[in-house]
Amino acid sequence: SWVADGGGQQITALAVRTKRENEPWGLPENVVGPAIQTTVKGLGANLYYAFILVVSNSLGYTESAPSDQALTLPAPVPRPTLSSISSYTASLSWPPWYGKNALEGYRVQYRINDGPGVLGAWTLSGSTSQLSFTVSALLPNMGYDLRVAAYNAAGTGEYGDYIAERTPAAPPNLVYVSLVGAGFAVLNWEAQPGAGLTYRVHLSRYTDSVWSDEPYRVKGNEGEIDTFNVTGLVKGATYKFGVTSTAGEGAVGALSPFSHEVRTLLSTPNRGPTPRPSNPGETSMAVSWDAVSSELLNGGSPITGYTLEYRGFVLGAWDPWAPKETSASRIRSVTGLLPSVQYEFRVKSVNALGAGLPGPASDALFTIPGLLDRPSQQAFLRTILVTFSVPEFSFYDGFRINFAGYDLESDPPNWFPWKEQVLPASTSTVKYDALEEDSRYRIKLAARNPSGWGTDSPIVETRTTLIADPWTLFDDGSTAMNVADSTLAATSATLQWFGPAIGTNADSLDR
């Protein structure tokens, strides 16, 4: 601005010359219309400028003396970066300002912005000459906008873009342990106000003279005094606990002071390992399992041995096998079992306090079938009928019968090779037809279940008849005709015999 004198003449034009820092004076720039001030635009931020006013009338022009130097305000500071945030503070940083003249410092503002309808006024938090600043006196679990402006001798420049952040919820107060057991501790604390809070329970365990952190546990808010049963702890170990609060998807807050130290109780071991039966025999099988090495499963005391229990599916009750055996060996040879019975096993771990609960049952496994009884047979002229039965409490899913004749034409005579036939489990009778009269035959039988084939039965040797004997004399003097052949169906039988008939109708016989 200025006061211009036209020298008794009317001023016809005004112009302004500008000089930046130590650079040469610029060319005049006209001022529009009669004026006593103008705004010079396009200047650089935080630089010194001087000005000369050029006044013209009809006789010529004249220049004023240079003005005092004036300093422009700093440029806006770029959007700050959040370095860290807590329930009550937020630390910011920003890039340095590059220019010819030094700044005097920076000013940091904040305002509450906690959603629609909750927008506060900008408040100055403080000033700094550094490129970082910590805003304090914030509220926990609250949304804030934060921005920075630079200032120099001329004043404060324009504030740059702001960042929006939320402070974490404050840590709860009064964290303490109210109950300690074997592998668990009940933790209490005074909850912070606010809806939708979740808490993280932090564990620190004392091991080898060092406190070491363990994975935290998460829990929702349930009231002013919150309670959490921390399970899965090592029995007989020393712990202390801290709690942090989190609101929704917000940042995790600061950790509360740790609780007092507590030691969990010892106990018998947890459930034993899962055994694996293998190598089944007729009356035995091997059982093995993995060692209990986890300190979470040994009750806080080293495992000294294991006990094994077993049961057959059809027998129901669990029985200890070798009940006095609690050695550390993890393989047993279980004997005294029944053939072709499905067995399962379970294991108890033992420490200095005793045996723990049994672990999961193993997969069931059959002992292989035992030696079957010698099959029964009835020989006729050209037919042999074989029947057999199975022991009680046995399970079979099939049978294998071997049949062989005698070769009289070989030199020397010898048995023909066995002819094997696999039968379904429902079979109890086998008939061999079209055999040679008066010939020797032999038979053996074995059973099968899911574990495999059992041992073949003793060999039964028989012989077809030469000529059917039609009569049998009983002790009372009566007689009856013998059946020479038979053909069996599901619900009927066709019989053949030799001897006189009354007329031609066999139905007249007493049969």
Protein backbone atom coordinates (compact mmCIF):
# COMPACT_ATOMS: atom_id res chain seq x y z
CA SER A 1 0.00 0.00 0.00
CA TRP A 2 1.13 3.58 -0.51
CA VAL A 3 0.28 7.31 -0.64
CA ALA A 4 1.02 8.59 -4.18
CA ASP A 5 1.73 12.25 -5.15
CA GLY A 6 1.14 13.22 -8.81
CA GLY A 7 3.24 16.42 -8.57
CA GLY A 8 0.24 18.62 -9.28
CA GLN A 9 -0.68 16.49 -12.27
CA GLN A 10 -3.16 13.69 -12.60
CA ILE A 11 -1.60 10.25 -12.09
CA THR A 12 -2.06 8.29 -15.27
CA ALA A 13 -0.54 4.91 -14.27
CA LEU A 14 0.82 2.97 -11.34
CA ALA A 15 3.20 -0.03 -11.44
CA VAL A 16 5.09 -2.15 -8.92
CA ARG A 17 8.60 -3.56 -9.26
CA THR A 18 9.54 -6.60 -7.12
CA LYS A 19 12.90 -7.76 -5.79
CA ARG A 20 13.25 -11.32 -4.28
CA GLU A 21 16.04 -11.77 -1.75
CA ASN A 22 19.30 -10.54 -3.41
CA GLU A 23 18.10 -10.97 -6.98
CA PRO A 24 17.80 -8.02 -9.46
CA TRP A 25 14.69 -5.88 -9.51
CA GLY A 26 11.97 -7.13 -11.73
CA LEU A 27 10.15 -5.22 -14.47
CA PRO A 28 7.20 -3.02 -13.50
CA GLU A 29 3.80 -4.68 -13.32
CA ASN A 30 0.86 -2.33 -13.84
CA VAL A 31 -1.67 -1.75 -11.14
CA VAL A 32 -5.20 -1.67 -12.51
CA GLY A 33 -7.12 1.56 -11.91
CA PRO A 34 -6.52 4.21 -9.32
CA ALA A 35 -5.60 2.39 -6.06
CA ILE A 36 -3.73 2.84 -2.85
CA GLN A 37 -2.84 -0.88 -2.51
CA THR A 38 -2.41 -4.05 -4.54
CA THR A 39 -1.72 -7.76 -3.97
CA VAL A 40 1.42 -9.16 -5.49
CA LYS A 41 0.88 -12.82 -6.35
CA GLY A 42 3.12 -15.69 -7.38
CA LEU A 43 5.66 -15.13 -4.63
CA GLY A 44 7.66 -17.95 -3.05
CA ALA A 45 7.04 -19.18 0.49
CA ASN A 46 9.31 -18.11 3.35
CA LEU A 47 11.32 -15.64 1.22
CA TYR A 48 12.19 -11.92 1.65
CA TYR A 49 10.79 -9.44 -0.87
CA ALA A 50 11.13 -5.61 -1.44
CA PHE A 51 8.97 -3.37 -3.66
CA ILE A 52 9.22 -0.04 -5.62
CA LEU A 53 6.17 1.94 -6.71
CA VAL A 54 6.37 3.56 -10.19
CA VAL A 55 4.07 6.59 -10.58
CA SER A 56 3.36 8.12 -14.06
CA ASN A 57 1.67 11.40 -15.18
CA SER A 58 1.54 13.35 -18.38
CA LEU A 59 5.09 14.64 -17.86
CA GLY A 60 6.73 11.20 -17.21
CA TYR A 61 7.26 8.77 -14.32
CA THR A 62 9.16 8.52 -11.08
CA GLU A 63 10.09 5.58 -8.74
CA SER A 64 9.67 5.49 -5.00
CA ALA A 65 12.39 4.43 -2.61
CA PRO A 66 12.51 0.63 -1.97
CA SER A 67 10.20 -0.64 0.71
CA ASP A 68 11.40 -2.51 3.77
CA GLN A 69 11.92 -6.22 3.14
CA ALA A 70 8.88 -8.43 3.91
CA LEU A 71 8.97 -12.18 4.68
CA THR A 72 6.32 -14.48 3.19
CA LEU A 73 4.68 -17.21 5.30
CA PRO A 74 5.88 -20.85 5.11
CA ALA A 75 4.24 -23.30 2.72
CA PRO A 76 1.80 -25.95 4.09
CA VAL A 77 3.51 -28.88 5.77
CA PRO A 78 2.84 -32.28 4.08
CA ARG A 79 0.49 -34.74 5.74
CA PRO A 80 2.20 -36.03 8.91
CA THR A 81 2.96 -39.68 9.61
CA LEU A 82 1.84 -41.41 12.79
CA SER A 83 4.89 -42.79 14.58
CA SER A 84 3.07 -44.30 17.55
CA ILE A 85 -0.18 -43.97 19.42
CA SER A 86 -1.30 -44.82 22.94
CA SER A 87 -4.47 -44.37 24.90
CA TYR A 88 -3.51 -40.76 25.76
CA THR A 89 -0.86 -39.66 23.23
CA ALA A 90 -0.08 -39.69 19.51
CA SER A 91 3.43 -39.16 18.11
CA LEU A 92 3.77 -37.55 14.68
CA SER A 93 6.61 -36.90 12.27
CA TRP A 94 6.90 -35.06 8.93
CA PRO A 95 9.53 -34.42 6.26
CA PRO A 96 11.93 -31.44 6.54
CA TRP A 97 11.12 -28.15 4.79
CA TYR A 98 13.73 -27.14 2.22
CA GLY A 99 14.17 -23.41 1.63
CA LYS A 100 16.62 -20.50 1.81
CA ASN A 101 15.46 -19.14 5.15
CA ALA A 102 15.19 -21.11 8.35
CA LEU A 103 11.85 -21.67 10.02
CA GLU A 104 11.22 -20.79 13.62
CA GLY A 105 9.25 -23.99 14.20
CA TYR A 106 6.07 -25.99 13.74
CA ARG A 107 2.65 -25.91 15.37
CA VAL A 108 0.50 -29.07 15.84
CA GLN A 109 -3.30 -29.06 16.15
CA TYR A 110 -5.85 -31.76 16.91
CA ARG A 111 -9.62 -32.08 17.04
CA ILE A 112 -12.04 -34.81 18.12
CA ASN A 113 -13.64 -36.61 15.17
CA ASP A 114 -15.52 -39.61 16.54
CA GLY A 115 -18.06 -40.11 13.81
CA PRO A 116 -21.17 -38.28 12.59
CA GLY A 117 -22.20 -35.49 14.93
CA VAL A 118 -19.02 -35.68 17.02
CA LEU A 119 -16.65 -33.13 15.47
CA GLY A 120 -14.77 -30.75 17.75
CA ALA A 121 -12.89 -27.49 17.10
CA TRP A 122 -9.19 -27.43 16.19
CA THR A 123 -7.04 -27.10 19.29
CA LEU A 124 -3.35 -26.19 19.44
CA SER A 125 -1.44 -28.98 21.15
CA GLY A 126 1.96 -27.26 21.09
CA SER A 127 4.94 -26.06 19.07
CA THR A 128 8.31 -27.58 18.29
CA SER A 129 11.46 -26.83 16.35
CA GLN A 130 11.91 -30.56 15.57
CA LEU A 131 10.38 -32.68 12.82
CA SER A 132 8.33 -34.70 15.28
CA PHE A 133 5.92 -34.04 18.11
CA THR A 134 3.85 -35.96 20.64
CA VAL A 135 0.28 -34.80 21.14
CA SER A 136 -0.76 -35.44 24.74
CA ALA A 137 -3.89 -35.13 26.88
CA LEU A 138 -5.94 -37.25 24.44
CA LEU A 139 -8.84 -39.44 25.53
CA PRO A 140 -8.74 -43.25 25.26
CA ASN A 141 -10.76 -44.99 22.57
CA MET A 142 -11.48 -41.72 20.73
CA GLY A 143 -11.14 -40.63 17.09
CA TYR A 144 -8.88 -37.64 16.33
CA ASP A 145 -7.71 -35.55 13.36
CA LEU A 146 -4.11 -34.29 13.54
CA ARG A 147 -2.32 -31.68 11.38
CA VAL A 148 0.86 -29.55 11.30
CA ALA A 149 1.78 -26.01 10.15
CA ALA A 150 5.16 -24.25 9.94
CA TYR A 151 5.79 -20.72 11.24
CA ASN A 152 8.49 -18.04 10.83
CA ALA A 153 8.96 -14.40 11.85
CA ALA A 154 6.04 -13.39 9.64
CA GLY A 155 3.59 -15.78 11.27
CA THR A 156 2.09 -19.25 10.91
CA GLY A 157 1.65 -20.76 7.47
CA GLU A 158 -1.30 -22.71 6.22
CA TYR A 159 -1.94 -26.08 7.91
CA GLY A 160 -1.40 -29.14 5.73
CA ASP A 161 -3.66 -32.15 5.27
CA TYR A 162 -4.64 -33.94 8.46
CA ILE A 163 -4.52 -37.62 9.39
CA ALA A 164 -7.36 -39.42 11.19
CA GLU A 165 -6.48 -41.85 13.99
CA ARG A 166 -8.14 -43.52 16.96
CA THR A 167 -6.51 -43.86 20.35
CA PRO A 168 -6.53 -47.38 21.80
CA ALA A 169 -8.64 -48.22 24.80
CA ALA A 170 -6.89 -47.75 28.11
CA PRO A 171 -5.56 -50.82 29.90
CA PRO A 172 -7.77 -52.17 32.68
CA ASN A 173 -7.00 -51.52 36.30
CA LEU A 174 -6.41 -53.84 39.20
CA VAL A 175 -5.37 -57.08 37.50
CA TYR A 176 -5.22 -59.90 40.04
CA VAL A 177 -5.49 -63.71 40.28
CA SER A 178 -8.40 -64.95 42.38
CA LEU A 179 -8.00 -68.72 42.01
CA VAL A 180 -5.19 -71.09 41.00
CA GLY A 181 -5.61 -74.74 40.10
CA ALA A 182 -3.85 -77.53 38.24
CA GLY A 183 -3.23 -76.03 34.82
CA PHE A 184 -5.50 -72.99 35.18
CA ALA A 185 -5.79 -69.62 36.90
CA VAL A 186 -8.84 -67.35 37.29
CA LEU A 187 -7.91 -63.75 36.43
CA ASN A 188 -9.92 -60.65 37.38
CA TRP A 189 -9.62 -56.98 36.48
CA GLU A 190 -11.56 -53.72 36.63
CA ALA A 191 -12.82 -53.16 33.09
CA GLN A 192 -12.56 -49.84 31.27
CA PRO A 193 -15.77 -48.05 30.25
CA GLY A 194 -16.93 -48.33 26.66
CA ALA A 195 -18.96 -50.72 24.56
CA GLY A 196 -17.52 -53.44 22.37
CA LEU A 197 -14.22 -53.80 24.18
CA THR A 198 -12.22 -56.97 23.93
CA TYR A 199 -9.36 -57.87 26.19
CA ARG A 200 -6.12 -59.69 25.59
CA VAL A 201 -4.75 -61.62 28.51
CA HIS A 202 -0.95 -61.73 28.32
CA LEU A 203 0.98 -64.52 29.99
CA SER A 204 4.54 -64.48 31.23
CA ARG A 205 6.09 -67.67 32.56
CA TYR A 206 9.15 -68.01 34.71
CA THR A 207 11.47 -70.64 33.21
CA ASP A 208 15.19 -71.14 33.76
CA SER A 209 15.40 -67.88 35.75
CA VAL A 210 13.91 -65.88 32.83
CA TRP A 211 10.42 -64.49 32.27
CA SER A 212 9.20 -65.43 28.78
CA ASP A 213 5.98 -64.34 27.10
CA GLU A 214 3.48 -66.89 25.84
CA PRO A 215 0.61 -66.53 23.30
CA TYR A 216 -2.12 -64.20 24.54
CA ARG A 217 -5.77 -65.19 24.99
CA VAL A 218 -8.72 -63.04 23.78
CA LYS A 219 -11.91 -62.36 25.72
CA GLY A 220 -14.94 -60.05 25.34
CA ASN A 221 -16.19 -57.52 27.87
CA GLU A 222 -18.73 -58.79 30.39
CA GLY A 223 -19.01 -56.00 32.92
CA GLU A 224 -17.16 -53.61 35.15
CA ILE A 225 -15.25 -56.40 36.91
CA ASP A 226 -14.23 -58.94 34.30
CA THR A 227 -13.23 -62.54 34.91
CA PHE A 228 -11.33 -64.94 32.71
CA ASN A 229 -10.37 -68.56 33.33
CA VAL A 230 -6.91 -68.92 31.78
CA THR A 231 -6.60 -72.61 30.90
CA GLY A 232 -3.93 -74.70 29.24
CA LEU A 233 -1.22 -73.63 31.67
CA VAL A 234 1.70 -75.83 32.58
CA LYS A 235 1.05 -77.48 35.92
CA GLY A 236 3.53 -76.61 38.63
CA ALA A 237 4.79 -73.53 36.71
CA THR A 238 5.06 -69.89 37.84
CA TYR A 239 3.08 -67.22 35.94
CA LYS A 240 2.10 -63.58 36.02
CA PHE A 241 -0.58 -61.94 33.89
CA GLY A 242 -1.27 -58.59 32.20
CA VAL A 243 -4.26 -57.32 30.20
CA THR A 244 -4.68 -54.98 27.21
CA SER A 245 -7.93 -53.49 25.88
CA THR A 246 -9.01 -53.24 22.24
CA ALA A 247 -12.05 -51.45 20.80
CA GLY A 248 -13.36 -53.07 17.63
CA GLU A 249 -10.65 -53.15 14.97
CA GLY A 250 -8.63 -50.47 16.75
CA ALA A 251 -5.06 -50.71 17.88
CA VAL A 252 -4.15 -52.78 20.90
CA GLY A 253 -3.73 -50.58 23.95
CA ALA A 254 -0.96 -50.49 26.49
CA LEU A 255 -0.35 -53.45 28.75
CA SER A 256 -1.62 -53.15 32.30
CA PRO A 257 0.73 -53.69 35.22
CA PHE A 258 1.31 -57.40 35.73
CA SER A 259 -0.53 -59.32 38.40
CA HIS A 260 1.21 -60.91 41.35
CA GLU A 261 3.09 -64.13 40.62
CA VAL A 262 1.29 -67.44 41.10
CA ARG A 263 2.26 -71.10 40.79
CA THR A 264 -0.15 -73.61 39.31
CA LEU A 265 -0.79 -76.87 41.14
CA LEU A 266 0.58 -80.29 40.25
CA SER A 267 -1.74 -83.16 39.27
CA THR A 268 -1.79 -86.60 37.79
CA PRO A 269 -1.16 -86.54 34.02
CA ASN A 270 -3.74 -85.51 31.48
CA ARG A 271 -5.34 -88.10 29.26
CA GLY A 272 -2.89 -90.66 27.96
CA PRO A 273 -1.71 -91.01 24.35
CA THR A 274 -3.61 -92.94 21.68
CA PRO A 275 -2.24 -96.50 21.28
CA ARG A 276 -1.69 -98.32 17.96
CA PRO A 277 -2.36 -102.08 17.86
CA SER A 278 -0.52 -104.12 15.23
CA ASN A 279 0.75 -107.60 14.27
CA PRO A 280 -2.33 -109.56 15.34
CA GLY A 281 -1.99 -113.28 16.09
CA GLU A 282 -4.57 -115.80 17.23
CA THR A 283 -4.28 -114.84 20.90
CA SER A 284 -1.93 -111.84 20.91
CA MET A 285 -1.02 -108.54 19.27
CA ALA A 286 1.51 -105.73 19.74
CA VAL A 287 0.44 -102.31 21.08
CA SER A 288 2.61 -99.17 20.96
CA TRP A 289 2.15 -95.42 21.52
CA ASP A 290 4.05 -92.14 21.47
CA ALA A 291 5.74 -90.76 24.56
CA VAL A 292 4.07 -87.94 26.50
CA SER A 293 6.70 -85.23 26.18
CA SER A 294 4.57 -82.08 26.41
CA GLU A 295 4.79 -80.33 29.76
CA LEU A 296 1.12 -79.43 29.32
CA LEU A 297 0.18 -83.13 29.55
CA ASN A 298 2.40 -84.53 32.32
CA GLY A 299 0.64 -82.85 35.25
CA GLY A 300 3.74 -80.78 36.05
CA SER A 301 5.73 -83.88 37.02
CA PRO A 302 7.78 -86.15 34.71
CA ILE A 303 6.06 -89.23 33.29
CA THR A 304 7.38 -92.35 35.02
CA GLY A 305 5.40 -95.01 33.17
CA TYR A 306 2.21 -96.11 31.45
CA THR A 307 -0.58 -98.59 32.10
CA LEU A 308 -2.51 -100.35 29.34
CA GLU A 309 -6.18 -101.36 29.27
CA TYR A 310 -8.03 -103.46 26.71
CA ARG A 311 -11.46 -104.80 25.91
CA GLY A 312 -13.12 -107.02 23.31
CA PHE A 313 -16.08 -105.52 21.55
CA VAL A 314 -18.37 -108.33 22.57
CA LEU A 315 -17.08 -108.33 26.16
CA GLY A 316 -17.66 -104.62 26.84
CA ALA A 317 -15.73 -103.84 30.04
CA TRP A 318 -12.21 -102.38 30.11
CA ASP A 319 -9.64 -104.59 31.82
CA PRO A 320 -6.08 -103.71 32.81
CA TRP A 321 -3.41 -105.73 31.11
CA ALA A 322 -0.55 -106.56 33.46
CA PRO A 323 -1.93 -104.05 36.02
CA LYS A 324 1.32 -103.91 37.98
CA GLU A 325 3.34 -102.96 34.91
CA THR A 326 3.88 -99.19 34.79
CA SER A 327 7.24 -99.12 33.04
CA ALA A 328 8.32 -96.34 30.73
CA SER A 329 8.34 -98.78 27.82
CA ARG A 330 5.93 -97.71 25.11
CA ILE A 331 5.34 -101.10 23.48
CA ARG A 332 3.52 -104.11 24.91
CA SER A 333 3.01 -107.63 23.63
CA VAL A 334 -0.55 -108.37 24.76
CA THR A 335 -1.26 -112.09 25.14
CA GLY A 336 -4.13 -114.26 26.36
CA LEU A 337 -6.64 -112.85 23.88
CA LEU A 338 -9.43 -114.81 22.17
CA PRO A 339 -9.14 -115.71 18.48
CA SER A 340 -11.15 -113.70 15.94
CA VAL A 341 -12.32 -111.10 18.46
CA GLN A 342 -12.13 -107.36 17.85
CA TYR A 343 -10.08 -105.57 20.53
CA GLU A 344 -9.36 -101.94 21.33
CA PHE A 345 -6.85 -100.44 23.76
CA ARG A 346 -6.27 -97.28 25.79
CA VAL A 347 -3.36 -95.93 27.83
CA LYS A 348 -2.97 -94.08 31.14
CA SER A 349 0.12 -91.96 31.81
CA VAL A 350 1.68 -92.20 35.28
CA ASN A 351 3.71 -89.63 37.23
CA ALA A 352 4.74 -89.29 40.87
CA LEU A 353 1.15 -88.44 41.86
CA GLY A 354 -0.39 -91.49 40.17
CA ALA A 355 -2.13 -92.48 36.97
CA GLY A 356 -4.07 -89.97 34.93
CA LEU A 357 -7.24 -90.46 32.93
CA PRO A 358 -7.19 -92.95 30.05
CA GLY A 359 -6.59 -91.50 26.64
CA PRO A 360 -8.64 -92.09 23.47
CA ALA A 361 -9.33 -95.68 22.49
CA SER A 362 -7.25 -97.14 19.70
CA ASP A 363 -8.64 -98.28 16.39
CA ALA A 364 -10.19 -101.71 16.85
CA LEU A 365 -8.23 -104.69 15.51
CA PHE A 366 -9.19 -108.38 15.21
CA THR A 367 -7.05 -111.23 16.36
CA ILE A 368 -6.77 -113.67 13.46
CA PRO A 369 -9.10 -116.70 13.49
CA GLY A 370 -8.00 -119.69 15.52
CA LEU A 371 -7.80 -123.31 14.54
CA LEU A 372 -11.29 -124.51 13.59
CA ASP A 373 -12.64 -127.84 14.82
CA ARG A 374 -12.28 -130.81 12.46
CA PRO A 375 -15.19 -130.57 9.98
CA SER A 376 -17.78 -133.37 9.93
CA GLN A 377 -18.38 -135.36 6.75
CA GLN A 378 -20.77 -137.96 5.41
CA ALA A 379 -19.67 -140.03 2.37
CA PHE A 380 -22.06 -141.61 -0.13
CA LEU A 381 -21.61 -143.44 -3.41
CA ARG A 382 -20.51 -140.39 -5.44
CA THR A 383 -21.14 -137.58 -2.94
CA ILE A 384 -19.45 -136.21 0.19
CA LEU A 385 -21.33 -133.81 2.48
CA VAL A 386 -19.10 -131.57 4.69
CA THR A 387 -20.49 -129.61 7.65
CA PHE A 388 -18.74 -127.37 10.20
CA SER A 389 -19.49 -124.95 13.05
CA VAL A 390 -17.74 -121.84 14.47
CA PRO A 391 -16.87 -120.98 18.08
CA GLU A 392 -18.97 -118.55 20.09
CA PHE A 393 -17.68 -114.92 20.38
CA SER A 394 -15.92 -115.21 17.04
CA PHE A 395 -16.37 -113.10 13.94
CA TYR A 396 -15.65 -114.46 10.45
CA ASP A 397 -16.28 -112.88 7.08
CA GLY A 398 -15.52 -116.00 5.08
CA PHE A 399 -14.13 -119.55 4.99
CA ARG A 400 -11.62 -121.38 2.87
CA ILE A 401 -12.11 -125.11 2.23
CA ASN A 402 -9.53 -127.31 0.49
CA PHE A 403 -10.51 -130.62 -1.11
CA ALA A 404 -8.23 -133.22 -2.73
CA GLY A 405 -8.67 -136.71 -4.18
CA TYR A 406 -6.27 -139.66 -4.31
CA ASP A 407 -4.50 -140.45 -7.59
CA LEU A 408 -4.29 -144.25 -7.95
CA GLU A 409 -2.77 -144.01 -11.39
CA SER A 410 0.36 -142.15 -10.32
CA ASP A 411 3.49 -144.14 -9.50
CA PRO A 412 3.51 -144.38 -6.61
CA PRO A 413 -0.13 -143.39 -5.93
CA ASN A 414 -0.36 -139.95 -4.30
CA TRP A 415 -2.79 -137.20 -3.45
CA PHE A 416 -3.94 -134.76 -6.11
CA PRO A 417 -3.13 -131.03 -5.43
CA TRP A 418 -5.54 -129.19 -3.16
CA LYS A 419 -8.48 -127.43 -4.81
CA GLU A 420 -9.33 -124.28 -2.83
CA GLN A 421 -12.79 -122.77 -2.57
CA VAL A 422 -13.61 -119.51 -0.70
CA LEU A 423 -17.03 -119.49 0.93
CA PRO A 424 -19.19 -116.69 2.34
CA ALA A 425 -19.48 -116.36 6.12
CA SER A 426 -23.05 -117.71 6.10
CA THR A 427 -21.91 -121.11 4.79
CA SER A 428 -21.92 -124.15 7.12
CA THR A 429 -22.39 -127.00 4.62
CA VAL A 430 -20.52 -127.91 1.43
CA LYS A 431 -21.42 -130.76 -0.92
CA TYR A 432 -19.05 -132.39 -3.41
CA ASP A 433 -20.79 -134.28 -6.26
CA ALA A 434 -19.78 -136.52 -9.18
CA LEU A 435 -16.96 -138.17 -7.25
CA GLU A 436 -15.42 -141.57 -7.92
CA GLU A 437 -16.93 -144.58 -6.18
CA ASP A 438 -14.83 -146.19 -3.49
CA SER A 439 -12.22 -143.39 -3.64
CA ARG A 440 -10.23 -141.60 -0.96
CA TYR A 441 -10.63 -137.84 -0.36
CA ARG A 442 -9.29 -135.39 2.21
CA ILE A 443 -10.59 -132.02 3.47
CA LYS A 444 -9.26 -129.08 5.52
CA LEU A 445 -10.88 -125.81 6.54
CA ALA A 446 -9.79 -122.27 7.63
CA ALA A 447 -11.64 -119.07 8.60
CA ARG A 448 -10.99 -115.42 7.66
CA ASN A 449 -11.70 -112.06 9.31
CA PRO A 450 -10.48 -108.49 8.53
CA SER A 451 -7.04 -109.30 10.01
CA GLY A 452 -6.43 -112.28 7.70
CA TRP A 453 -6.71 -116.05 7.40
CA GLY A 454 -6.47 -118.37 10.37
CA THR A 455 -4.72 -121.74 10.57
CA ASP A 456 -6.10 -124.68 8.60
CA SER A 457 -8.03 -127.25 10.60
CA PRO A 458 -6.72 -130.83 10.98
CA ILE A 459 -7.12 -132.80 7.75
CA VAL A 460 -10.18 -135.05 7.54
CA GLU A 461 -9.85 -138.12 5.30
CA THR A 462 -12.93 -139.96 3.96
CA ARG A 463 -13.92 -142.46 1.27
CA THR A 464 -16.91 -142.80 -1.02
CA THR A 465 -18.80 -146.11 -0.86
CA LEU A 466 -18.60 -148.96 -3.40
CA ILE A 467 -22.22 -150.07 -3.43
CA ALA A 468 -24.83 -148.42 -1.31
CA ASP A 469 -25.96 -150.65 1.59
CA PRO A 470 -29.71 -150.33 1.44
CA TRP A 471 -30.45 -151.48 4.99
CA THR A 472 -29.62 -150.65 8.55
CA LEU A 473 -30.55 -153.13 11.33
CA PHE A 474 -31.46 -151.51 14.64
CA ASP A 475 -31.13 -153.04 18.10
CA ASP A 476 -34.88 -153.63 18.34
CA GLY A 477 -34.78 -155.74 15.18
CA SER A 478 -36.34 -153.15 12.87
CA THR A 479 -34.72 -152.11 9.63
CA ALA A 480 -34.51 -148.90 7.56
CA MET A 481 -33.18 -148.05 4.11
CA ASN A 482 -30.03 -145.88 4.00
CA VAL A 483 -29.95 -142.66 2.00
CA ALA A 484 -27.33 -143.11 -0.72
CA ASP A 485 -27.29 -139.54 -2.01
CA SER A 486 -28.86 -136.17 -1.33
CA THR A 487 -29.19 -132.79 -2.98
CA LEU A 488 -29.75 -129.87 -0.59
CA ALA A 489 -31.59 -126.65 -1.42
CA ALA A 490 -32.49 -123.69 0.78
CA THR A 491 -35.69 -125.22 2.21
CA SER A 492 -35.80 -128.76 0.76
CA ALA A 493 -33.75 -131.90 0.14
CA THR A 494 -33.91 -134.54 -2.60
CA LEU A 495 -32.95 -138.02 -1.28
CA GLN A 496 -31.89 -141.20 -3.12
CA TRP A 497 -31.74 -144.69 -1.64
CA PHE A 498 -31.55 -148.36 -2.76
CA GLY A 499 -34.07 -151.06 -1.79
CA PRO A 500 -37.56 -152.37 -2.53
CA ALA A 501 -40.51 -150.08 -2.78
CA ILE A 502 -44.19 -150.81 -2.24
CA GLY A 503 -45.56 -150.39 -5.70
CA THR A 504 -44.10 -147.41 -7.45
CA ASN A 505 -45.04 -144.62 -5.03
CA ALA A 506 -42.22 -143.64 -2.71
CA ASP A 507 -44.64 -141.52 -0.67
CA SER A 508 -46.03 -144.76 0.79
CA LEU A 509 -42.79 -145.36 2.58
CA ASP A 510 -42.27 -144.44 6.23
CA ARG A 511 -39.55 -141.81 5.75
